[in-house]
Protein backbone atom coordinates (compact mmCIF):
# COMPACT_ATOMS: atom_id res chain seq x y z
CA MET A 1 -12.88 -4.49 -15.66
CA LYS A 2 -10.42 -7.13 -16.25
CA LYS A 3 -8.72 -8.85 -12.99
CA THR A 4 -5.78 -7.16 -12.08
CA ARG A 5 -2.67 -8.71 -10.14
CA VAL A 6 -4.19 -7.69 -7.04
CA ASP A 7 -7.55 -9.55 -7.76
CA GLN A 8 -5.53 -12.80 -8.66
CA THR A 9 -3.22 -12.45 -5.81
CA PHE A 10 -6.17 -12.32 -3.14
CA ALA A 11 -7.99 -14.97 -5.14
CA ALA A 12 -5.12 -17.18 -4.95
CA LEU A 13 -4.64 -16.42 -0.94
CA LYS A 14 -8.23 -17.07 -0.33
CA LYS A 15 -8.05 -20.41 -2.14
CA GLN A 16 -4.75 -21.18 -0.15
CA GLY A 17 -6.41 -20.21 3.14
CA LYS A 18 -3.62 -17.61 3.72
CA LYS A 19 -3.45 -13.94 4.80
CA GLY A 20 -1.84 -11.45 2.82
CA PHE A 21 1.29 -9.06 3.65
CA ILE A 22 1.54 -5.72 1.98
CA ALA A 23 4.69 -3.54 2.22
CA TYR A 24 4.81 -0.12 1.89
CA ILE A 25 7.79 1.72 0.67
CA GLY A 26 8.73 5.29 -0.75
CA ALA A 27 9.04 5.46 -4.50
CA GLY A 28 12.48 6.93 -4.98
CA ASP A 29 13.79 6.53 -1.66
CA PRO A 30 16.95 6.24 -1.35
CA SER A 31 16.77 6.74 -5.21
CA LEU A 32 14.70 5.35 -8.21
CA ASP A 33 17.14 2.36 -8.96
CA GLU A 34 17.54 1.44 -5.59
CA THR A 35 13.84 1.35 -5.02
CA VAL A 36 14.03 -1.24 -7.93
CA ASP A 37 16.13 -3.53 -5.96
CA ILE A 38 14.13 -2.97 -2.70
CA VAL A 39 10.97 -4.40 -4.57
CA LEU A 40 12.51 -7.37 -5.71
CA ARG A 41 14.16 -8.03 -2.07
CA LEU A 42 10.47 -7.54 -0.93
CA GLU A 43 9.14 -10.07 -3.33
CA GLU A 44 11.75 -12.59 -2.34
CA ALA A 45 10.99 -12.18 1.31
CA GLY A 46 7.42 -13.23 0.52
CA VAL A 47 5.67 -9.93 0.25
CA ASP A 48 2.31 -10.39 -1.49
CA LEU A 49 1.65 -6.76 -2.64
CA VAL A 50 3.68 -3.41 -2.76
CA GLU A 51 2.24 -0.11 -1.97
CA LEU A 52 4.51 2.51 -3.38
CA GLY A 53 4.24 5.94 -1.91
CA LEU A 54 4.06 8.42 -4.74
CA PRO A 55 6.54 11.43 -3.70
CA PHE A 56 4.65 14.34 -2.54
CA SER A 57 5.52 17.43 -0.69
CA ASP A 58 2.86 17.68 1.84
CA PRO A 59 1.80 14.18 2.67
CA LEU A 60 -1.09 14.75 5.45
CA ALA A 61 -1.97 11.27 6.35
CA ASP A 62 1.82 10.33 7.10
CA GLY A 63 3.73 10.57 10.06
CA ARG A 64 7.10 11.57 10.25
CA VAL A 65 8.86 8.62 8.86
CA ASN A 66 7.05 8.28 5.60
CA GLN A 67 7.20 12.43 5.46
CA ASP A 68 11.00 11.99 5.64
CA SER A 69 10.84 9.23 2.98
CA ALA A 70 8.75 11.53 0.55
CA THR A 71 11.30 14.38 1.25
CA ARG A 72 14.48 11.98 0.57
CA ALA A 73 12.75 10.72 -2.60
CA LEU A 74 12.16 14.14 -3.87
CA ALA A 75 15.44 15.41 -3.18
CA ALA A 76 16.84 12.58 -4.85
CA GLY A 77 15.02 13.77 -7.98
CA ALA A 78 12.25 11.49 -8.05
CA THR A 79 9.67 12.92 -10.82
CA PHE A 80 6.26 11.50 -12.13
CA ASP A 81 8.01 10.16 -15.11
CA GLY A 82 10.84 8.73 -13.21
CA VAL A 83 8.84 6.93 -11.05
CA MET A 84 6.84 5.56 -14.25
CA GLU A 85 10.25 4.35 -15.38
CA MET A 86 11.25 2.68 -12.35
CA VAL A 87 7.83 0.73 -12.57
CA ARG A 88 8.86 -0.18 -15.78
CA LYS A 89 12.08 -1.59 -14.69
CA ILE A 90 10.44 -3.59 -11.88
CA ARG A 91 8.02 -5.16 -14.49
CA GLU A 92 10.70 -6.15 -16.38
CA ARG A 93 11.77 -8.85 -13.83
CA SER A 94 8.63 -9.21 -11.72
CA GLN A 95 4.86 -9.31 -11.54
CA ILE A 96 4.38 -8.57 -8.21
CA PRO A 97 1.29 -6.52 -7.75
CA MET A 98 2.01 -2.91 -7.01
CA ILE A 99 -0.44 0.06 -6.00
CA PHE A 100 0.42 3.90 -5.70
CA TYR A 101 -0.46 5.27 -2.73
CA ALA A 102 -1.11 9.11 -3.52
CA TYR A 103 -2.20 12.37 -2.84
CA LEU A 104 -4.59 14.26 -5.49
CA ASN A 105 -2.47 17.16 -6.11
CA THR A 106 0.57 15.12 -7.60
CA LEU A 107 -2.22 13.66 -10.07
CA TYR A 108 -3.66 16.74 -10.87
CA ALA A 109 -0.49 18.21 -11.63
CA ARG A 110 0.09 15.59 -14.51
CA GLY A 111 -3.54 15.50 -15.50
CA PHE A 112 -5.87 13.08 -13.91
CA GLU A 113 -6.72 11.11 -16.72
CA LYS A 114 -3.36 10.87 -18.13
CA ALA A 115 -1.88 9.95 -14.74
CA MET A 116 -4.14 7.08 -14.43
CA ASN A 117 -3.27 5.97 -18.24
CA ASP A 118 0.38 6.71 -17.70
CA ALA A 119 0.70 4.48 -14.53
CA ALA A 120 -1.41 1.65 -16.04
CA GLU A 121 0.76 1.73 -18.94
CA ALA A 122 3.83 1.43 -16.72
CA GLY A 123 2.55 -1.76 -14.76
CA ILE A 124 0.59 -0.31 -11.76
CA ASP A 125 -2.46 -2.27 -10.66
CA GLY A 126 -4.19 0.54 -8.77
CA PHE A 127 -4.63 3.66 -6.57
CA LEU A 128 -5.13 4.29 -3.14
CA ILE A 129 -5.73 8.24 -2.87
CA LEU A 130 -5.32 9.46 0.48
CA ASP A 131 -7.42 12.80 0.05
CA MET A 132 -10.19 12.10 -2.59
CA PRO A 133 -13.74 12.58 -0.83
CA ARG A 134 -16.09 9.87 -1.84
CA GLU A 135 -18.81 12.36 -2.77
CA GLU A 136 -16.30 14.11 -5.19
CA SER A 137 -14.78 11.16 -6.33
CA GLY A 138 -17.06 9.70 -8.98
CA PRO A 139 -15.41 11.42 -12.27
CA TYR A 140 -11.76 10.19 -10.96
CA LYS A 141 -13.08 6.46 -10.35
CA LYS A 142 -14.37 6.41 -14.02
CA PHE A 143 -10.67 7.24 -15.07
CA ILE A 144 -9.38 4.72 -12.79
CA SER A 145 -11.54 2.01 -13.93
CA THR A 146 -11.08 3.11 -17.72
CA ALA A 147 -7.35 2.49 -17.14
CA ASN A 148 -8.28 -0.97 -15.42
CA LEU A 149 -6.92 -0.16 -12.17
CA ASN A 150 -8.26 -0.69 -8.66
CA THR A 151 -9.60 1.79 -6.81
CA ILE A 152 -8.66 0.95 -3.14
CA SER A 153 -10.55 2.60 -0.47
CA LEU A 154 -9.74 3.76 3.06
CA ILE A 155 -12.17 3.19 6.08
CA THR A 156 -11.18 4.67 9.41
CA PRO A 157 -12.36 4.28 13.08
CA THR A 158 -14.16 7.41 12.60
CA THR A 159 -16.12 6.35 9.30
CA PRO A 160 -19.97 6.10 10.31
CA GLU A 161 -21.55 2.43 9.42
CA GLU A 162 -23.71 3.90 6.60
CA ARG A 163 -20.76 5.34 5.17
CA ILE A 164 -18.80 2.12 5.32
CA LYS A 165 -21.69 0.72 3.42
CA GLN A 166 -21.29 3.24 0.74
CA ILE A 167 -17.36 2.95 0.50
CA VAL A 168 -17.30 -0.60 0.30
CA LYS A 169 -20.07 -1.08 -2.42
CA GLU A 170 -17.95 1.33 -4.75
CA ALA A 171 -14.33 -0.26 -3.79
CA ASN A 172 -12.70 -2.70 -5.48
CA GLY A 173 -9.25 -4.67 -5.24
CA PHE A 174 -9.34 -4.79 -1.44
CA VAL A 175 -10.51 -2.34 1.45
CA TYR A 176 -7.85 -0.66 3.31
CA CYS A 177 -8.96 -0.34 7.01
CA VAL A 178 -6.83 2.24 9.35
CA SER A 179 -6.40 0.82 12.81
CA ARG A 180 -6.37 4.19 14.46
CA GLU A 181 -6.80 7.82 14.28
CA GLY A 182 -4.02 9.76 13.10
CA VAL A 183 -1.16 9.51 10.92
CA THR A 184 1.05 6.59 9.67
CA GLY A 185 3.81 5.22 12.26
CA VAL A 186 4.73 2.46 14.02
CA ARG A 187 2.86 1.90 17.46
CA ASP A 188 3.61 -0.22 20.75
CA SER A 189 0.20 -2.09 20.12
CA ILE A 190 -2.64 -2.71 17.92
CA ALA A 191 -5.39 -0.43 18.39
CA GLU A 192 -8.47 -1.71 20.96
CA GLY A 193 -10.84 -1.24 18.27
CA ALA A 194 -9.33 -2.57 15.27
CA ARG A 195 -10.92 -6.08 15.33
CA GLY A 196 -14.23 -4.83 15.62
CA LEU A 197 -14.00 -2.34 12.78
CA VAL A 198 -12.36 -5.12 10.54
CA GLY A 199 -15.55 -7.17 11.53
CA LYS A 200 -17.95 -4.43 10.74
CA ILE A 201 -16.51 -3.85 7.20
CA GLN A 202 -16.61 -7.74 6.58
CA GLN A 203 -20.24 -7.61 7.20
CA TYR A 204 -20.67 -5.43 4.08
CA THR A 205 -18.47 -6.70 1.57
CA LYS A 206 -16.51 -9.97 0.30
CA LEU A 207 -13.74 -7.69 -0.85
CA PRO A 208 -10.47 -8.86 1.16
CA VAL A 209 -10.04 -5.96 4.24
CA ALA A 210 -6.26 -5.17 4.97
CA LEU A 211 -5.44 -3.62 8.35
CA GLY A 212 -2.67 -0.90 8.39
CA PHE A 213 -1.24 1.94 10.51
CA GLY A 214 0.91 1.10 13.55
CA ILE A 215 2.22 -2.56 12.67
CA GLY A 216 5.83 -2.86 12.97
CA THR A 217 6.46 -6.33 14.79
CA PRO A 218 6.03 -10.01 14.09
CA ALA A 219 3.79 -10.20 17.00
CA GLN A 220 1.73 -7.29 16.02
CA ALA A 221 1.51 -8.60 12.31
CA ALA A 222 0.25 -11.95 13.46
CA GLU A 223 -2.26 -10.27 15.62
CA ALA A 224 -3.70 -8.29 13.05
CA ALA A 225 -3.59 -11.20 10.52
CA SER A 226 -5.81 -13.29 13.16
CA PHE A 227 -8.95 -11.36 12.17
CA ALA A 228 -8.02 -9.20 8.88
CA ASP A 229 -7.37 -10.76 5.67
CA ALA A 230 -4.15 -8.96 4.97
CA VAL A 231 -1.73 -6.75 6.88
CA VAL A 232 -0.12 -3.48 5.87
CA VAL A 233 3.29 -2.58 7.14
CA GLY A 234 4.91 0.49 6.24
CA SER A 235 6.91 2.81 8.70
CA ALA A 236 8.62 -0.11 10.19
CA ILE A 237 10.02 -1.25 6.91
CA VAL A 238 10.83 2.39 5.70
CA ASN A 239 12.92 2.88 8.76
CA LYS A 240 14.89 -0.30 8.43
CA PHE A 241 15.77 0.23 4.97
CA ASN A 242 17.00 3.84 5.79
CA ASN A 243 18.47 3.22 8.81
CA ASN A 244 20.60 -0.09 7.24
CA PRO A 245 23.48 0.90 5.20
CA HIS A 246 22.51 1.56 1.49
CA THR A 247 24.52 -1.44 0.22
CA PRO A 248 23.51 -4.90 -0.86
CA GLU A 249 24.29 -6.31 2.33
CA GLY A 250 22.53 -3.90 3.90
CA ARG A 251 19.32 -4.13 1.90
CA ALA A 252 19.39 -8.06 2.43
CA ASP A 253 19.31 -7.64 6.23
CA ALA A 254 16.46 -5.09 5.90
CA ALA A 255 14.72 -7.60 3.65
CA ALA A 256 15.06 -10.50 6.10
CA PHE A 257 13.67 -8.14 9.02
CA VAL A 258 10.60 -7.93 6.52
CA ALA A 259 10.59 -11.91 6.14
CA GLU A 260 10.06 -12.21 9.85
CA MET A 261 6.83 -10.54 9.82
CA VAL A 262 5.84 -12.03 6.52
CA LYS A 263 6.35 -15.43 8.34
CA ALA A 264 4.49 -14.44 11.33
CA VAL A 265 1.68 -13.60 9.08
CA LYS A 266 1.54 -16.91 6.82
CA GLU A 267 1.76 -18.99 9.92
CA VAL A 268 -1.74 -17.64 11.40
């Protein structure tokens, strides 16, 4: 498998001794064209990698903020083909690493192999599939790998140690560590066991470990970056872009909010 933009970015960060910042947004929220602008602004703010939520009607791992984002995207007419065209437009202007945060139903509906090939052709670098059980993932991971895409694996606080070993053995790109039980959403503090969980994962893999779920302030981002290789911020960013005016000025202000968190991570 050739190195993806994800692989190259994390290799560069390691060489620089820097931590990574991953931003999640909903693809197509508030519209596909505006998502192009948001991604470019995130890159300008210093974001290292963008997670694009592939719109789905029943995003079971997501809290209210990201559920609402998916609902807005679908209501605005975001289709699979439309999202692929949006990615192509971004690729005309940027080489920032991008992965899809997705659910299997959306990919089944397309035809899984075709979905992988279409995404790769558009310019996506990998997939984080929320509801793909490891025990049944073999055929799907083969299609992902054949399309030269990263398979991003999730580890949660309830994942047994033996299973952690198995998951990281089959992962590539980076490992996504969920900081707490439950769904996505901003919290007042980072979960108590997050540091220990990241440390445990790092014992079994040389892949970067990114910590997400519940991080929404510069202080929280800096705390997470003190022990994880990268920090993932989603709901706080989705909220900021949605609550701000959908104007160039509003999006610039939201991007400035993201830049503050990026700065906190880079100073660790």
